[in-house]
Amino acid sequence: MSAEAVLDAGFDAARAGLARAVSGERLAAASADAYGAWSNHLARVGPGGAGRGMSRLVEVRFRELVTKGNSAVLSVRWEAVGSSGGLFPVLDADITLAPYGSAASLLSLSGAYRPPLGALGAALDRVLLHRVAEATIQGFVNQLGEAVVELATEPKPAAAPSSDLR
């Protein structure tokens, strides 16, 4: 599974924006929103509305942003936890940021997800869920890209005024 977005920010600025997204709440919030939408689609098409009415606690885990030459890579996992966690998909992916010309960057996600519900989930995935997953992932990449550009163009916080009264 993969998705990508071209960002209107050079690589260095976009890398700084992605680092800000990771250190703040933006990445976790975008991930949780996307996973929630994905899980809601599954609940509607599952057996007898498999997930209907069930609450989900989504755990979004990611590793530290690593810069490798001309790219920055972030590993992420989306997973529902709790008693109904096995009814929802799990995604393991790498988010990569790379230069795209002199004034833009390419944000891409490449990974694999495991549909829930065993053989039934695999059958639903072939028929419908993979399209839902692809749309969800592309929406997440677009939302993250917008946050990265916004954070890349934010002025850096001013240094705190000195309390030195010489």
Protein backbone atom coordinates (compact mmCIF):
# COMPACT_ATOMS: atom_id res chain seq x y z
CA MET A 1 0.00 0.00 0.00
CA SER A 2 1.38 3.41 -0.86
CA ALA A 3 0.41 7.05 -1.27
CA GLU A 4 2.27 10.27 -1.96
CA ALA A 5 1.88 14.03 -2.06
CA VAL A 6 4.07 16.77 -3.51
CA LEU A 7 4.68 19.50 -0.94
CA ASP A 8 5.20 23.15 -1.78
CA ALA A 9 8.23 23.40 0.50
CA GLY A 10 11.89 22.66 -0.08
CA PHE A 11 13.37 19.58 1.54
CA ASP A 12 15.12 21.31 4.46
CA ALA A 13 12.02 23.33 5.39
CA ALA A 14 9.73 20.31 4.95
CA ARG A 15 12.02 18.14 7.08
CA ALA A 16 11.82 20.78 9.83
CA GLY A 17 8.02 20.83 9.44
CA LEU A 18 7.82 17.04 9.66
CA ALA A 19 10.01 17.09 12.78
CA ARG A 20 7.63 19.65 14.32
CA ALA A 21 4.64 17.47 13.37
CA VAL A 22 6.28 14.49 15.08
CA SER A 23 7.27 16.37 18.23
CA GLY A 24 3.85 18.00 18.59
CA GLU A 25 0.43 16.42 18.34
CA ARG A 26 -0.13 16.87 14.59
CA LEU A 27 1.12 13.46 13.42
CA ALA A 28 -0.68 11.56 16.16
CA ALA A 29 -3.91 13.50 15.57
CA ALA A 30 -3.82 13.01 11.78
CA SER A 31 -3.05 9.31 12.27
CA ALA A 32 -5.86 8.80 14.77
CA ASP A 33 -8.33 10.65 12.53
CA ALA A 34 -7.40 8.56 9.49
CA TYR A 35 -7.45 5.29 11.42
CA GLY A 36 -10.83 6.18 12.91
CA ALA A 37 -12.31 6.81 9.44
CA TRP A 38 -10.85 3.52 8.19
CA SER A 39 -12.25 1.58 11.15
CA ASN A 40 -15.68 3.17 10.72
CA HIS A 41 -15.85 1.92 7.12
CA LEU A 42 -14.92 -1.56 8.31
CA ALA A 43 -17.61 -1.47 10.98
CA ARG A 44 -20.25 -0.69 8.36
CA VAL A 45 -19.29 -3.55 6.03
CA GLY A 46 -18.28 -6.21 8.58
CA PRO A 47 -20.42 -9.23 9.45
CA GLY A 48 -23.68 -7.91 10.88
CA GLY A 49 -21.97 -4.56 11.37
CA ALA A 50 -19.07 -6.21 13.23
CA GLY A 51 -17.81 -3.09 14.87
CA ARG A 52 -21.05 -1.15 15.18
CA GLY A 53 -21.34 0.51 18.54
CA MET A 54 -17.94 -0.67 19.74
CA SER A 55 -15.55 1.90 21.04
CA ARG A 56 -12.00 1.77 19.79
CA LEU A 57 -8.86 3.02 21.41
CA VAL A 58 -6.31 3.60 18.68
CA GLU A 59 -2.63 3.37 19.45
CA VAL A 60 -0.41 5.30 17.06
CA ARG A 61 3.27 4.54 17.50
CA PHE A 62 6.14 6.02 15.58
CA ARG A 63 9.88 5.95 15.81
CA GLU A 64 12.22 8.90 15.78
CA LEU A 65 12.57 10.73 12.46
CA VAL A 66 15.79 9.52 10.82
CA THR A 67 17.58 11.49 8.10
CA LYS A 68 19.44 9.34 5.58
CA GLY A 69 21.26 11.35 2.92
CA ASN A 70 18.60 13.08 0.83
CA SER A 71 15.63 11.65 2.67
CA ALA A 72 14.00 11.55 6.07
CA VAL A 73 12.14 8.42 7.19
CA LEU A 74 9.60 7.89 9.94
CA SER A 75 8.20 4.44 10.82
CA VAL A 76 4.60 4.35 12.04
CA ARG A 77 2.11 1.75 13.29
CA TRP A 78 -1.65 2.19 13.64
CA GLU A 79 -3.43 -0.38 15.75
CA ALA A 80 -6.68 -0.63 17.68
CA VAL A 81 -6.16 -1.84 21.22
CA GLY A 82 -8.50 -3.27 23.80
CA SER A 83 -10.99 -6.10 23.66
CA SER A 84 -12.26 -5.22 20.15
CA GLY A 85 -8.79 -4.50 18.72
CA GLY A 86 -8.75 -7.72 16.66
CA LEU A 87 -11.73 -6.49 14.65
CA PHE A 88 -9.81 -3.60 13.08
CA PRO A 89 -6.87 -3.35 10.67
CA VAL A 90 -3.23 -2.86 11.65
CA LEU A 91 -0.89 -0.75 9.52
CA ASP A 92 2.91 -0.77 9.56
CA ALA A 93 4.45 1.82 7.26
CA ASP A 94 7.35 4.12 6.53
CA ILE A 95 6.71 7.78 5.82
CA THR A 96 9.48 9.17 3.64
CA LEU A 97 10.26 12.77 2.77
CA ALA A 98 12.60 13.47 -0.15
CA PRO A 99 13.54 16.43 -2.34
CA TYR A 100 11.32 16.93 -5.39
CA GLY A 101 13.10 19.49 -7.53
CA SER A 102 14.68 22.56 -5.98
CA ALA A 103 11.63 24.06 -4.24
CA ALA A 104 9.40 21.09 -3.41
CA SER A 105 9.41 17.82 -1.48
CA LEU A 106 7.76 14.46 -1.95
CA LEU A 107 6.01 12.93 1.07
CA SER A 108 5.27 9.25 0.59
CA LEU A 109 3.93 6.40 2.66
CA SER A 110 4.74 2.79 1.88
CA GLY A 111 3.60 -0.05 4.04
CA ALA A 112 1.44 -3.05 4.64
CA TYR A 113 -1.77 -3.52 6.51
CA ARG A 114 -3.41 -6.61 7.83
CA PRO A 115 -7.17 -6.73 7.48
CA PRO A 116 -9.02 -8.06 10.51
CA LEU A 117 -11.42 -10.98 10.78
CA GLY A 118 -9.16 -13.67 9.29
CA ALA A 119 -10.42 -15.25 6.06
CA LEU A 120 -13.61 -13.16 6.09
CA GLY A 121 -11.56 -9.98 6.41
CA ALA A 122 -9.28 -11.07 3.56
CA ALA A 123 -12.33 -11.69 1.34
CA LEU A 124 -13.84 -8.31 2.26
CA ASP A 125 -10.46 -6.71 1.59
CA ARG A 126 -10.30 -8.12 -1.94
CA VAL A 127 -13.82 -6.92 -2.71
CA LEU A 128 -14.00 -3.55 -0.96
CA LEU A 129 -11.76 -2.76 1.97
CA HIS A 130 -8.52 -2.30 0.04
CA ARG A 131 -10.13 0.67 -1.77
CA VAL A 132 -11.21 2.13 1.57
CA ALA A 133 -7.69 1.58 2.93
CA GLU A 134 -6.08 3.23 -0.11
CA ALA A 135 -8.38 6.26 0.12
CA THR A 136 -7.77 6.52 3.87
CA ILE A 137 -4.00 6.36 3.45
CA GLN A 138 -4.03 8.97 0.67
CA GLY A 139 -6.20 11.24 2.84
CA PHE A 140 -3.76 10.80 5.73
CA VAL A 141 -0.75 11.64 3.52
CA ASN A 142 -2.55 14.72 2.18
CA GLN A 143 -3.48 15.87 5.70
CA LEU A 144 0.05 15.25 7.00
CA GLY A 145 1.50 17.06 3.97
CA GLU A 146 -0.63 20.12 4.68
CA ALA A 147 0.53 20.10 8.31
CA VAL A 148 4.18 19.73 7.26
CA VAL A 149 3.97 22.71 4.88
CA GLU A 150 2.17 24.79 7.50
CA LEU A 151 4.74 23.92 10.17
CA ALA A 152 7.62 24.40 7.71
CA THR A 153 6.56 27.98 7.05
CA GLU A 154 5.86 28.93 10.66
CA PRO A 155 8.42 31.27 12.09
CA LYS A 156 10.66 29.66 14.66
CA PRO A 157 9.66 30.54 18.23
CA ALA A 158 11.48 33.60 19.50
CA ALA A 159 14.02 33.03 22.20
CA ALA A 160 12.74 33.83 25.68
CA PRO A 161 13.74 37.29 26.86
CA SER A 162 16.79 37.28 29.05
CA SER A 163 16.20 37.81 32.73
CA ASP A 164 19.70 39.16 33.08
CA LEU A 165 19.32 42.72 34.44
CA ARG A 166 22.84 44.03 34.06
